[in-house]
C-alpha cells in the first residue's frame, strides 16, 4: 500500500520565530557554562589566597587567622580527606607512600633511620617529616612531604592525624621556628579551615636521598 504525504508550508514569520528560539536556547546554555567555569576559577583563587593569608598571620603569632572558604574537591592543591577501607595509622601510610622500611612508633623513626637513610633538617619532596612525641601525639607522628610551597610552608600527605584512620592530602604545614630551621611547626586543621593553635616539635626529615630541597 502506498502512502501519500502532504508537504507542510512554513511561513517566513514562523521560520524566523523558530530560529530565534533555538539560537536563544544555545546562547543561554553557553552563558551558563561560562558562568560555572568562572565561578570555579574564582573559588580556587580564593582558597589559595586564604592559605597564604593564614600563613602570614601564623608567622606574626596572631590568633586572628582568616577562615578558609570550603574548598572544592576538584580544585588542585586544596586540602582534602580520604576515607580508606580500613583504619590507617600514620606509620603504615608513611611506609607505603615513601617506600622507607622503618618500623616502630613514629617518634622512634629518626633514631631507627640510623645510617640507612638520609637525614636532613630542611624539607625535601617525598621525604618523611618526623614529629617528636607530645601530650597530643604521645607516640609521635610522621607525614610525607608532597610539595614545597615556600621556605616557610610545605604540603604533606598523612594518615590518622585526627585519630580517625583517615588520609589527609595536601595538608599545609607552617614553619614557625625563630631560625626557619623547621624545628617547630603548626599544622592546618581541615575541620576548622585554619592553622591549628598547637605548635609541634619536629626532629627532622628522612629520605632515600637529599631529594628536592628548598633552594636546590
N, C-alpha and C. Protein backbone atom coordinates (compact mmCIF):
# COMPACT_ATOMS: atom_id res chain seq x y z
N UNK A 1 0.85 -1.19 0.00
CA UNK A 1 0.00 0.00 0.00
C UNK A 1 0.88 1.23 0.00
N UNK A 2 0.59 2.19 -0.79
CA UNK A 2 1.40 3.40 -0.92
C UNK A 2 0.75 4.53 -0.14
N UNK A 3 1.56 5.20 0.67
CA UNK A 3 1.05 6.34 1.45
C UNK A 3 1.45 7.64 0.77
N UNK A 4 0.62 8.58 0.87
CA UNK A 4 0.93 9.90 0.30
C UNK A 4 1.13 10.90 1.42
N UNK A 5 2.05 11.80 1.25
CA UNK A 5 2.36 12.80 2.27
C UNK A 5 2.13 14.19 1.68
N UNK A 6 1.64 15.05 2.50
CA UNK A 6 1.42 16.42 2.03
C UNK A 6 2.43 17.34 2.71
N UNK A 7 3.12 18.07 1.92
CA UNK A 7 4.13 18.99 2.45
C UNK A 7 3.46 20.09 3.28
N UNK A 8 4.14 20.42 4.42
CA UNK A 8 3.63 21.49 5.29
C UNK A 8 4.36 22.77 4.96
N UNK A 9 3.64 23.75 4.67
CA UNK A 9 4.24 25.03 4.29
C UNK A 9 4.51 25.87 5.54
N UNK A 10 5.78 26.26 5.73
CA UNK A 10 6.16 27.09 6.88
C UNK A 10 6.30 28.52 6.42
N UNK A 11 5.52 29.37 7.02
CA UNK A 11 5.57 30.78 6.65
C UNK A 11 6.90 31.40 7.13
N UNK A 12 7.39 32.39 6.44
CA UNK A 12 8.66 33.06 6.84
C UNK A 12 8.63 33.56 8.27
N UNK A 13 7.49 34.05 8.72
CA UNK A 13 7.42 34.58 10.10
C UNK A 13 7.60 33.47 11.12
N UNK A 14 7.02 32.28 10.79
CA UNK A 14 7.17 31.14 11.71
C UNK A 14 8.62 30.66 11.73
N UNK A 15 9.28 30.64 10.57
CA UNK A 15 10.67 30.19 10.49
C UNK A 15 11.58 31.12 11.29
N UNK A 16 11.33 32.40 11.22
CA UNK A 16 12.14 33.37 11.98
C UNK A 16 11.98 33.16 13.47
N UNK A 17 10.73 32.91 13.91
CA UNK A 17 10.47 32.69 15.33
C UNK A 17 11.16 31.43 15.83
N UNK A 18 11.08 30.32 15.02
CA UNK A 18 11.71 29.05 15.41
C UNK A 18 13.22 29.20 15.52
N UNK A 19 13.83 29.88 14.55
CA UNK A 19 15.29 30.10 14.58
C UNK A 19 15.69 30.90 15.81
N UNK A 20 14.90 31.88 16.15
CA UNK A 20 15.21 32.71 17.32
C UNK A 20 15.17 31.92 18.61
N UNK A 21 14.18 31.01 18.72
CA UNK A 21 14.08 30.20 19.93
C UNK A 21 15.27 29.27 20.08
N UNK A 22 15.69 28.60 18.98
CA UNK A 22 16.83 27.70 19.03
C UNK A 22 18.10 28.45 19.37
N UNK A 23 18.33 29.59 18.72
CA UNK A 23 19.53 30.37 18.97
C UNK A 23 19.57 30.89 20.41
N UNK A 24 18.38 31.26 20.92
CA UNK A 24 18.32 31.76 22.31
C UNK A 24 18.67 30.68 23.30
N UNK A 25 18.18 29.43 23.04
CA UNK A 25 18.49 28.32 23.95
C UNK A 25 19.97 28.01 23.97
N UNK A 26 20.61 28.03 22.77
CA UNK A 26 22.05 27.77 22.69
C UNK A 26 22.82 28.85 23.41
N UNK A 27 22.38 30.08 23.31
CA UNK A 27 23.07 31.20 23.97
C UNK A 27 23.00 31.07 25.48
N UNK A 28 21.81 30.70 26.00
CA UNK A 28 21.66 30.53 27.45
C UNK A 28 22.54 29.41 27.97
N UNK A 29 22.62 28.30 27.19
CA UNK A 29 23.47 27.17 27.60
C UNK A 29 24.94 27.58 27.66
N UNK A 30 25.39 28.30 26.65
CA UNK A 30 26.79 28.76 26.61
C UNK A 30 27.08 29.72 27.74
N UNK A 31 26.13 30.64 28.03
CA UNK A 31 26.33 31.60 29.12
C UNK A 31 26.42 30.89 30.46
N UNK A 32 25.59 29.85 30.66
CA UNK A 32 25.60 29.10 31.92
C UNK A 32 26.93 28.38 32.11
N UNK A 33 27.44 27.78 31.04
CA UNK A 33 28.72 27.07 31.12
C UNK A 33 29.85 28.02 31.44
N UNK A 34 29.83 29.21 30.82
CA UNK A 34 30.88 30.20 31.08
C UNK A 34 30.82 30.68 32.53
N UNK A 35 29.60 30.90 33.04
CA UNK A 35 29.45 31.37 34.43
C UNK A 35 29.95 30.34 35.41
N UNK A 36 29.66 29.03 35.14
CA UNK A 36 30.12 27.96 36.02
C UNK A 36 31.64 27.88 36.03
N UNK A 37 32.26 28.00 34.85
CA UNK A 37 33.73 27.94 34.75
C UNK A 37 34.37 29.09 35.50
N UNK A 38 33.80 30.29 35.36
CA UNK A 38 34.35 31.47 36.04
C UNK A 38 34.24 31.33 37.54
N UNK A 39 33.09 30.82 38.03
CA UNK A 39 32.91 30.64 39.47
C UNK A 39 33.91 29.66 40.02
N UNK A 40 34.19 28.57 39.28
CA UNK A 40 35.16 27.57 39.73
C UNK A 40 36.54 28.17 39.85
N UNK A 41 36.96 29.00 38.87
CA UNK A 41 38.28 29.62 38.90
C UNK A 41 38.38 30.58 40.08
N UNK A 42 37.31 31.32 40.37
CA UNK A 42 37.33 32.26 41.49
C UNK A 42 37.43 31.53 42.81
N UNK A 43 36.75 30.36 42.94
CA UNK A 43 36.81 29.58 44.17
C UNK A 43 38.22 29.08 44.43
N UNK A 44 38.90 28.57 43.39
CA UNK A 44 40.27 28.09 43.52
C UNK A 44 41.20 29.21 43.95
N UNK A 45 41.05 30.40 43.36
CA UNK A 45 41.90 31.54 43.72
C UNK A 45 41.67 31.95 45.16
N UNK A 46 40.39 31.91 45.61
CA UNK A 46 40.07 32.29 46.98
C UNK A 46 40.73 31.35 47.98
N UNK A 47 40.70 30.05 47.69
CA UNK A 47 41.32 29.05 48.57
C UNK A 47 42.81 29.31 48.70
N UNK A 48 43.49 29.53 47.57
CA UNK A 48 44.94 29.77 47.61
C UNK A 48 45.29 31.03 48.38
N UNK A 49 44.52 32.10 48.18
CA UNK A 49 44.77 33.36 48.89
C UNK A 49 44.56 33.20 50.38
N UNK A 50 43.54 32.42 50.76
CA UNK A 50 43.24 32.24 52.18
C UNK A 50 44.36 31.50 52.88
N UNK A 51 44.92 30.47 52.25
CA UNK A 51 46.03 29.73 52.84
C UNK A 51 47.23 30.64 53.02
N UNK A 52 47.53 31.47 52.03
CA UNK A 52 48.66 32.39 52.13
C UNK A 52 48.45 33.40 53.24
N UNK A 53 47.22 33.91 53.37
CA UNK A 53 46.93 34.87 54.43
C UNK A 53 47.07 34.23 55.79
N UNK A 54 46.62 33.00 55.93
CA UNK A 54 46.76 32.28 57.20
C UNK A 54 48.23 32.06 57.54
N UNK A 55 49.05 31.75 56.55
CA UNK A 55 50.47 31.53 56.77
C UNK A 55 51.11 32.80 57.30
N UNK A 56 50.79 33.94 56.73
CA UNK A 56 51.36 35.21 57.17
C UNK A 56 50.92 35.53 58.59
N UNK A 57 49.64 35.29 58.89
CA UNK A 57 49.14 35.58 60.23
C UNK A 57 49.79 34.68 61.27
N UNK A 58 49.99 33.41 60.91
CA UNK A 58 50.61 32.47 61.85
C UNK A 58 52.03 32.87 62.18
N UNK A 59 52.78 33.35 61.19
CA UNK A 59 54.16 33.77 61.43
C UNK A 59 54.21 35.00 62.32
N UNK A 60 53.19 35.83 62.26
CA UNK A 60 53.15 37.02 63.13
C UNK A 60 52.71 36.66 64.54
N UNK A 61 52.29 35.40 64.74
CA UNK A 61 51.85 34.97 66.07
C UNK A 61 50.44 35.41 66.37
N UNK A 62 49.69 35.81 65.35
CA UNK A 62 48.34 36.31 65.56
C UNK A 62 47.37 35.16 65.73
N UNK A 63 46.40 35.33 66.63
CA UNK A 63 45.35 34.34 66.81
C UNK A 63 44.16 34.65 65.91
N UNK A 64 44.20 35.83 65.28
CA UNK A 64 43.11 36.24 64.39
C UNK A 64 43.42 35.76 62.99
N UNK A 65 43.19 34.47 62.75
CA UNK A 65 43.52 33.86 61.46
C UNK A 65 42.29 33.85 60.57
N UNK A 66 42.46 34.28 59.33
CA UNK A 66 41.33 34.33 58.40
C UNK A 66 40.82 32.93 58.10
N UNK A 67 39.50 32.78 58.04
CA UNK A 67 38.91 31.48 57.73
C UNK A 67 39.05 31.18 56.26
N UNK A 68 39.16 29.89 55.95
CA UNK A 68 39.29 29.44 54.57
C UNK A 68 37.94 28.98 54.05
N UNK A 69 37.55 29.50 52.90
CA UNK A 69 36.31 29.07 52.28
C UNK A 69 36.38 27.58 51.97
N UNK A 70 35.29 26.87 52.19
CA UNK A 70 35.28 25.43 51.96
C UNK A 70 35.77 25.12 50.56
N UNK A 71 36.88 24.35 50.41
CA UNK A 71 37.46 24.10 49.09
C UNK A 71 36.62 23.16 48.26
N UNK A 72 36.70 23.33 46.95
CA UNK A 72 36.04 22.41 46.02
C UNK A 72 36.90 21.17 45.84
N UNK A 73 36.28 20.01 45.74
CA UNK A 73 37.02 18.75 45.64
C UNK A 73 37.88 18.69 44.38
N UNK A 74 37.44 19.40 43.33
CA UNK A 74 38.17 19.33 42.07
C UNK A 74 39.29 20.36 41.98
N UNK A 75 39.35 21.30 42.94
CA UNK A 75 40.37 22.33 42.88
C UNK A 75 41.73 21.73 43.20
N UNK A 76 42.77 22.08 42.45
CA UNK A 76 44.10 21.50 42.68
C UNK A 76 44.75 22.04 43.94
N UNK A 77 45.53 21.20 44.59
CA UNK A 77 46.33 21.60 45.73
C UNK A 77 45.50 22.10 46.91
N UNK A 78 44.30 21.62 47.04
CA UNK A 78 43.43 22.00 48.16
C UNK A 78 43.42 20.85 49.17
N UNK A 79 43.50 21.14 50.47
CA UNK A 79 43.46 20.07 51.47
C UNK A 79 42.19 19.24 51.34
N UNK A 80 42.35 17.93 51.26
CA UNK A 80 41.21 17.03 51.16
C UNK A 80 41.40 15.85 52.09
N UNK A 81 40.31 15.16 52.39
CA UNK A 81 40.33 14.00 53.28
C UNK A 81 39.80 12.79 52.53
N UNK A 82 40.55 11.69 52.62
CA UNK A 82 40.13 10.43 52.00
C UNK A 82 39.81 9.42 53.10
N UNK A 83 38.69 8.73 52.96
CA UNK A 83 38.31 7.71 53.93
C UNK A 83 38.63 6.33 53.35
N UNK A 84 39.69 5.68 53.80
CA UNK A 84 40.08 4.37 53.24
C UNK A 84 39.16 3.26 53.74
N UNK A 85 39.35 2.07 53.16
CA UNK A 85 38.52 0.95 53.54
C UNK A 85 38.82 0.44 54.94
N UNK A 86 40.06 0.66 55.41
CA UNK A 86 40.39 0.27 56.77
C UNK A 86 41.14 1.40 57.47
N UNK A 87 41.21 1.33 58.78
CA UNK A 87 41.86 2.37 59.58
C UNK A 87 43.36 2.41 59.29
N UNK A 88 43.84 3.56 58.80
CA UNK A 88 45.26 3.72 58.50
C UNK A 88 45.96 4.43 59.66
N UNK A 89 47.13 3.91 60.05
CA UNK A 89 47.97 4.59 61.02
C UNK A 89 49.02 5.39 60.25
N UNK A 90 49.55 6.42 60.90
CA UNK A 90 50.49 7.31 60.21
C UNK A 90 51.73 6.57 59.73
N UNK A 91 52.26 5.65 60.56
CA UNK A 91 53.48 4.94 60.17
C UNK A 91 53.22 3.98 59.00
N UNK A 92 52.05 3.38 59.01
CA UNK A 92 51.69 2.45 57.94
C UNK A 92 51.59 3.20 56.61
N UNK A 93 50.93 4.34 56.64
CA UNK A 93 50.77 5.12 55.41
C UNK A 93 52.11 5.69 54.94
N UNK A 94 52.92 6.17 55.88
CA UNK A 94 54.22 6.75 55.52
C UNK A 94 55.12 5.73 54.85
N UNK A 95 55.09 4.48 55.31
CA UNK A 95 55.88 3.41 54.68
C UNK A 95 55.43 3.18 53.24
N UNK A 96 54.11 3.10 53.04
CA UNK A 96 53.57 2.85 51.71
C UNK A 96 53.84 4.03 50.77
N UNK A 97 53.69 5.23 51.31
CA UNK A 97 53.82 6.43 50.48
C UNK A 97 55.27 6.75 50.14
N UNK A 98 56.19 6.53 51.08
CA UNK A 98 57.59 6.91 50.88
C UNK A 98 58.48 5.75 50.43
N UNK A 99 58.09 4.51 50.78
CA UNK A 99 58.91 3.35 50.46
C UNK A 99 60.00 3.10 51.48
N UNK A 100 60.04 3.86 52.57
CA UNK A 100 61.05 3.66 53.61
C UNK A 100 60.70 2.45 54.47
N UNK A 101 61.67 1.60 54.72
CA UNK A 101 61.46 0.40 55.51
C UNK A 101 61.83 0.66 56.97
N UNK A 102 61.00 1.45 57.63
CA UNK A 102 61.21 1.77 59.04
C UNK A 102 59.96 1.37 59.81
N UNK A 103 60.15 0.75 60.98
CA UNK A 103 59.03 0.27 61.77
C UNK A 103 59.12 0.83 63.19
N UNK A 104 58.06 0.62 63.97
CA UNK A 104 58.04 1.14 65.32
C UNK A 104 57.23 2.44 65.39
N UNK A 105 57.09 2.95 66.62
CA UNK A 105 56.36 4.20 66.81
C UNK A 105 56.98 5.33 66.01
N UNK A 106 56.15 6.28 65.61
CA UNK A 106 56.61 7.38 64.76
C UNK A 106 57.76 8.17 65.39
N UNK A 107 57.71 8.37 66.70
CA UNK A 107 58.73 9.19 67.36
C UNK A 107 60.10 8.51 67.36
N UNK A 108 60.14 7.19 67.05
CA UNK A 108 61.42 6.47 67.02
C UNK A 108 62.03 6.41 65.62
N UNK A 109 61.31 6.91 64.62
CA UNK A 109 61.78 6.80 63.24
C UNK A 109 63.12 7.54 63.01
N UNK A 110 63.29 8.66 63.65
CA UNK A 110 64.52 9.44 63.46
C UNK A 110 65.74 8.63 63.88
N UNK A 111 65.63 7.96 65.04
CA UNK A 111 66.73 7.14 65.54
C UNK A 111 66.88 5.86 64.71
N UNK A 112 65.77 5.24 64.36
CA UNK A 112 65.81 3.98 63.63
C UNK A 112 66.35 4.15 62.20
N UNK A 113 66.22 5.37 61.65
CA UNK A 113 66.73 5.61 60.29
C UNK A 113 68.23 5.40 60.25
N UNK A 114 68.91 5.69 61.40
CA UNK A 114 70.35 5.48 61.54
C UNK A 114 71.14 5.95 60.36
N UNK A 115 71.98 5.09 59.84
CA UNK A 115 72.79 5.41 58.67
C UNK A 115 72.22 4.79 57.39
N UNK A 116 71.01 4.25 57.52
CA UNK A 116 70.38 3.58 56.37
C UNK A 116 69.84 4.59 55.37
N UNK A 117 69.21 5.65 55.90
CA UNK A 117 68.59 6.66 55.04
C UNK A 117 69.20 8.04 55.31
N UNK A 118 68.99 8.92 54.35
CA UNK A 118 69.48 10.30 54.50
C UNK A 118 68.61 11.03 55.52
N UNK A 119 69.26 11.84 56.35
CA UNK A 119 68.55 12.62 57.37
C UNK A 119 68.95 14.08 57.20
N UNK A 120 67.96 14.98 57.16
CA UNK A 120 68.26 16.39 56.96
C UNK A 120 67.23 17.24 57.70
N UNK A 121 67.57 18.49 57.88
CA UNK A 121 66.74 19.39 58.69
C UNK A 121 65.77 20.21 57.85
N UNK A 122 66.01 20.30 56.54
CA UNK A 122 65.12 21.06 55.66
C UNK A 122 64.20 20.12 54.89
N UNK A 123 62.99 20.56 54.55
CA UNK A 123 62.04 19.69 53.82
C UNK A 123 62.57 19.28 52.46
N UNK A 124 62.20 18.10 52.02
CA UNK A 124 62.51 17.60 50.68
C UNK A 124 61.30 16.82 50.19
N UNK A 125 61.00 16.94 48.91
CA UNK A 125 59.84 16.23 48.37
C UNK A 125 59.99 14.73 48.55
N UNK A 126 58.91 14.10 48.96
CA UNK A 126 58.82 12.65 49.20
C UNK A 126 59.57 12.19 50.45
N UNK A 127 60.12 13.13 51.21
CA UNK A 127 60.77 12.77 52.47
C UNK A 127 59.72 12.66 53.57
N UNK A 128 60.07 11.97 54.65
CA UNK A 128 59.17 11.80 55.78
C UNK A 128 59.53 12.79 56.88
N UNK A 129 58.57 13.60 57.28
CA UNK A 129 58.76 14.54 58.38
C UNK A 129 58.42 13.83 59.69
N UNK A 130 59.36 13.85 60.64
CA UNK A 130 59.20 13.12 61.90
C UNK A 130 58.86 14.09 63.02
N UNK A 131 57.69 13.92 63.61
CA UNK A 131 57.24 14.73 64.74
C UNK A 131 57.75 14.07 66.04
N UNK A 132 58.17 14.90 66.98
CA UNK A 132 58.53 14.40 68.30
C UNK A 132 57.24 14.06 69.06
N UNK A 133 57.34 13.22 70.05
CA UNK A 133 56.17 12.91 70.86
C UNK A 133 55.75 14.10 71.70
N UNK A 134 54.48 14.17 72.05
CA UNK A 134 53.96 15.25 72.89
C UNK A 134 52.69 14.75 73.56
N UNK A 135 52.06 15.62 74.36
CA UNK A 135 50.83 15.23 75.03
C UNK A 135 49.73 14.93 74.00
N UNK A 136 49.73 15.66 72.90
CA UNK A 136 48.72 15.47 71.86
C UNK A 136 49.02 14.23 71.03
N UNK A 137 50.29 13.97 70.75
CA UNK A 137 50.69 12.80 69.94
C UNK A 137 51.78 12.05 70.73
N UNK A 138 51.35 11.23 71.66
CA UNK A 138 52.27 10.55 72.57
C UNK A 138 53.28 9.67 71.84
N UNK A 139 52.87 9.04 70.75
CA UNK A 139 53.77 8.17 70.01
C UNK A 139 54.43 8.87 68.83
N UNK A 140 54.27 10.18 68.76
CA UNK A 140 54.84 10.94 67.66
C UNK A 140 53.94 10.87 66.43
N UNK A 141 54.46 11.34 65.34
CA UNK A 141 53.69 11.34 64.09
C UNK A 141 54.67 11.46 62.92
N UNK A 142 54.30 10.88 61.78
CA UNK A 142 55.10 11.02 60.56
C UNK A 142 54.18 11.41 59.42
N UNK A 143 54.70 12.26 58.54
CA UNK A 143 53.95 12.72 57.37
C UNK A 143 54.91 12.81 56.19
N UNK A 144 54.39 12.66 54.99
CA UNK A 144 55.22 12.67 53.79
C UNK A 144 55.10 14.02 53.09
N UNK A 145 56.24 14.63 52.78
CA UNK A 145 56.24 15.92 52.11
C UNK A 145 55.80 15.74 50.66
N UNK A 146 54.69 16.38 50.30
CA UNK A 146 54.16 16.28 48.94
C UNK A 146 54.67 17.41 48.05
N UNK A 147 54.83 18.60 48.62
CA UNK A 147 55.27 19.75 47.82
C UNK A 147 55.84 20.83 48.73
N UNK A 148 56.83 21.55 48.22
CA UNK A 148 57.40 22.69 48.94
C UNK A 148 56.81 23.96 48.35
N UNK A 149 56.10 24.70 49.17
CA UNK A 149 55.44 25.93 48.72
C UNK A 149 56.36 27.13 48.82
N UNK A 150 57.04 27.25 49.95
CA UNK A 150 57.94 28.37 50.21
C UNK A 150 58.91 27.96 51.32
N UNK A 151 59.88 28.81 51.66
CA UNK A 151 60.80 28.46 52.75
C UNK A 151 60.09 28.25 54.09
N UNK A 152 58.86 28.70 54.20
CA UNK A 152 58.13 28.56 55.46
C UNK A 152 56.90 27.66 55.37
N UNK A 153 56.58 27.16 54.20
CA UNK A 153 55.36 26.36 54.06
C UNK A 153 55.55 25.18 53.13
N UNK A 154 55.01 24.03 53.54
CA UNK A 154 55.02 22.82 52.72
C UNK A 154 53.63 22.20 52.74
N UNK A 155 53.41 21.25 51.85
CA UNK A 155 52.18 20.45 51.87
C UNK A 155 52.57 19.01 52.13
N UNK A 156 51.82 18.33 52.99
CA UNK A 156 52.13 16.95 53.32
C UNK A 156 50.91 16.06 53.11
N UNK A 157 51.19 14.78 52.87
CA UNK A 157 50.16 13.74 52.88
C UNK A 157 50.39 12.93 54.15
N UNK A 158 49.32 12.64 54.86
CA UNK A 158 49.47 11.96 56.15
C UNK A 158 48.21 11.16 56.47
N UNK A 159 48.34 10.30 57.46
CA UNK A 159 47.20 9.47 57.88
C UNK A 159 47.00 9.58 59.39
N UNK A 160 45.74 9.45 59.80
CA UNK A 160 45.36 9.35 61.21
C UNK A 160 45.74 10.59 62.03
N UNK A 161 45.84 11.74 61.41
CA UNK A 161 46.18 12.95 62.16
C UNK A 161 45.10 13.29 63.18
N UNK A 162 43.86 12.99 62.82
CA UNK A 162 42.74 13.26 63.74
C UNK A 162 42.25 11.98 64.42
N UNK A 163 43.10 10.93 64.39
CA UNK A 163 42.80 9.67 65.07
C UNK A 163 41.52 9.00 64.56
N UNK A 164 41.26 9.16 63.25
CA UNK A 164 40.09 8.53 62.66
C UNK A 164 40.47 7.55 61.55
N UNK A 165 41.76 7.33 61.38
CA UNK A 165 42.21 6.42 60.34
C UNK A 165 42.10 6.99 58.95
N UNK A 166 41.85 8.31 58.85
CA UNK A 166 41.68 8.96 57.55
C UNK A 166 43.02 9.27 56.91
N UNK A 167 43.01 9.60 55.61
CA UNK A 167 44.21 10.04 54.90
C UNK A 167 43.98 11.49 54.46
N UNK A 168 44.86 12.37 54.90
CA UNK A 168 44.78 13.79 54.54
C UNK A 168 45.76 14.08 53.42
N UNK A 169 45.27 14.70 52.37
CA UNK A 169 46.11 15.07 51.23
C UNK A 169 46.31 16.58 51.18
N UNK A 170 47.53 17.01 50.79
CA UNK A 170 47.84 18.44 50.61
C UNK A 170 47.60 19.26 51.87
N UNK A 171 47.95 18.72 53.02
CA UNK A 171 47.79 19.44 54.28
C UNK A 171 48.89 20.49 54.43
N UNK A 172 48.56 21.77 54.57
CA UNK A 172 49.59 22.80 54.77
C UNK A 172 50.25 22.65 56.14
N UNK A 173 51.57 22.78 56.15
CA UNK A 173 52.34 22.79 57.40
C UNK A 173 53.22 24.03 57.36
N UNK A 174 53.21 24.78 58.45
CA UNK A 174 53.90 26.06 58.51
C UNK A 174 55.05 26.02 59.51
N UNK A 175 56.23 26.43 59.08
CA UNK A 175 57.39 26.51 59.98
C UNK A 175 57.28 27.79 60.79
N UNK A 176 57.24 27.67 62.11
CA UNK A 176 57.13 28.84 62.99
C UNK A 176 58.37 28.97 63.88
N UNK A 177 59.44 28.26 63.53
CA UNK A 177 60.68 28.36 64.31
C UNK A 177 61.32 29.73 64.09
N UNK A 178 62.07 30.20 65.09
CA UNK A 178 62.69 31.52 65.00
C UNK A 178 63.74 31.58 63.91
N UNK A 179 64.47 30.50 63.68
CA UNK A 179 65.57 30.48 62.72
C UNK A 179 65.21 29.84 61.38
N UNK A 180 63.93 29.55 61.17
CA UNK A 180 63.49 28.89 59.94
C UNK A 180 64.23 27.55 59.74
N UNK A 181 64.38 26.80 60.84
CA UNK A 181 65.07 25.51 60.76
C UNK A 181 64.11 24.32 60.82
N UNK A 182 62.82 24.60 60.74
CA UNK A 182 61.79 23.57 60.74
C UNK A 182 61.82 22.68 61.98
N UNK A 183 62.14 23.29 63.10
CA UNK A 183 62.13 22.55 64.37
C UNK A 183 60.79 22.67 65.08
N UNK A 184 59.98 23.66 64.68
CA UNK A 184 58.67 23.88 65.28
C UNK A 184 57.68 24.25 64.17
N UNK A 185 56.52 23.57 64.16
CA UNK A 185 55.56 23.81 63.08
C UNK A 185 54.13 23.89 63.62
N UNK A 186 53.28 24.46 62.78
CA UNK A 186 51.83 24.42 63.00
C UNK A 186 51.22 23.71 61.80
N UNK A 187 50.15 22.94 62.06
CA UNK A 187 49.54 22.11 61.03
C UNK A 187 48.12 22.60 60.74
N UNK A 188 47.78 22.60 59.45
CA UNK A 188 46.44 23.03 59.02
C UNK A 188 45.37 22.07 59.54
N UNK A 189 44.30 22.63 60.10
CA UNK A 189 43.19 21.83 60.59
C UNK A 189 42.05 21.94 59.59
N UNK A 190 41.81 20.87 58.84
CA UNK A 190 40.80 20.91 57.79
C UNK A 190 39.40 21.02 58.36
N UNK A 191 39.23 20.63 59.63
CA UNK A 191 37.91 20.72 60.24
C UNK A 191 37.47 22.16 60.48
N UNK A 192 38.40 23.00 60.95
CA UNK A 192 38.09 24.40 61.23
C UNK A 192 38.54 25.33 60.12
N UNK A 193 39.20 24.79 59.09
CA UNK A 193 39.70 25.58 57.96
C UNK A 193 40.65 26.70 58.39
N UNK A 194 41.60 26.33 59.23
CA UNK A 194 42.61 27.29 59.68
C UNK A 194 43.79 26.51 60.28
N UNK A 195 44.91 27.18 60.46
CA UNK A 195 46.04 26.52 61.12
C UNK A 195 45.69 26.28 62.59
N UNK A 196 46.06 25.09 63.07
CA UNK A 196 45.81 24.78 64.47
C UNK A 196 46.64 25.66 65.39
N UNK A 197 46.19 25.81 66.61
CA UNK A 197 46.88 26.67 67.58
C UNK A 197 48.10 25.99 68.19
N UNK A 198 48.15 24.65 68.15
CA UNK A 198 49.28 23.93 68.75
C UNK A 198 50.54 24.07 67.90
N UNK A 199 51.67 24.11 68.59
CA UNK A 199 52.99 24.12 67.93
C UNK A 199 53.65 22.78 68.23
N UNK A 200 54.11 22.09 67.18
CA UNK A 200 54.69 20.75 67.33
C UNK A 200 56.20 20.77 67.07
N UNK A 201 56.94 20.02 67.89
CA UNK A 201 58.39 19.90 67.71
C UNK A 201 58.68 18.87 66.63
N UNK A 202 59.63 19.18 65.75
CA UNK A 202 60.00 18.30 64.65
C UNK A 202 61.45 17.84 64.83
N UNK A 203 61.69 16.54 64.63
CA UNK A 203 63.05 16.01 64.74
C UNK A 203 63.82 16.21 63.44
N UNK A 204 63.14 16.14 62.32
CA UNK A 204 63.80 16.32 61.03
C UNK A 204 63.09 15.56 59.94
N UNK A 205 63.80 15.38 58.82
CA UNK A 205 63.23 14.73 57.64
C UNK A 205 64.11 13.54 57.22
N UNK A 206 63.45 12.47 56.80
CA UNK A 206 64.15 11.25 56.39
C UNK A 206 63.79 10.93 54.95
N UNK A 207 64.80 10.59 54.15
CA UNK A 207 64.54 10.24 52.75
C UNK A 207 65.59 9.29 52.21
N UNK A 208 65.36 8.78 51.02
CA UNK A 208 66.33 7.89 50.38
C UNK A 208 67.56 8.67 49.93
N UNK A 209 67.35 9.95 49.61
CA UNK A 209 68.45 10.83 49.24
C UNK A 209 68.05 12.24 49.59
N UNK A 210 68.88 13.20 49.20
CA UNK A 210 68.61 14.59 49.57
C UNK A 210 67.34 15.13 48.94
N UNK A 211 66.88 14.54 47.84
CA UNK A 211 65.63 14.96 47.23
C UNK A 211 65.70 16.37 46.71
N UNK A 212 64.53 16.97 46.53
CA UNK A 212 64.44 18.35 46.05
C UNK A 212 64.23 19.26 47.25
N UNK A 213 65.31 19.75 47.80
CA UNK A 213 65.24 20.61 48.96
C UNK A 213 65.06 22.05 48.53
N UNK A 214 64.68 22.90 49.44
CA UNK A 214 64.48 24.31 49.13
C UNK A 214 65.81 24.95 48.75
N UNK A 215 65.79 25.72 47.69
CA UNK A 215 66.97 26.40 47.25
C UNK A 215 67.81 25.59 46.28
N UNK A 216 67.39 24.34 45.99
CA UNK A 216 68.17 23.48 45.09
C UNK A 216 67.74 23.74 43.65
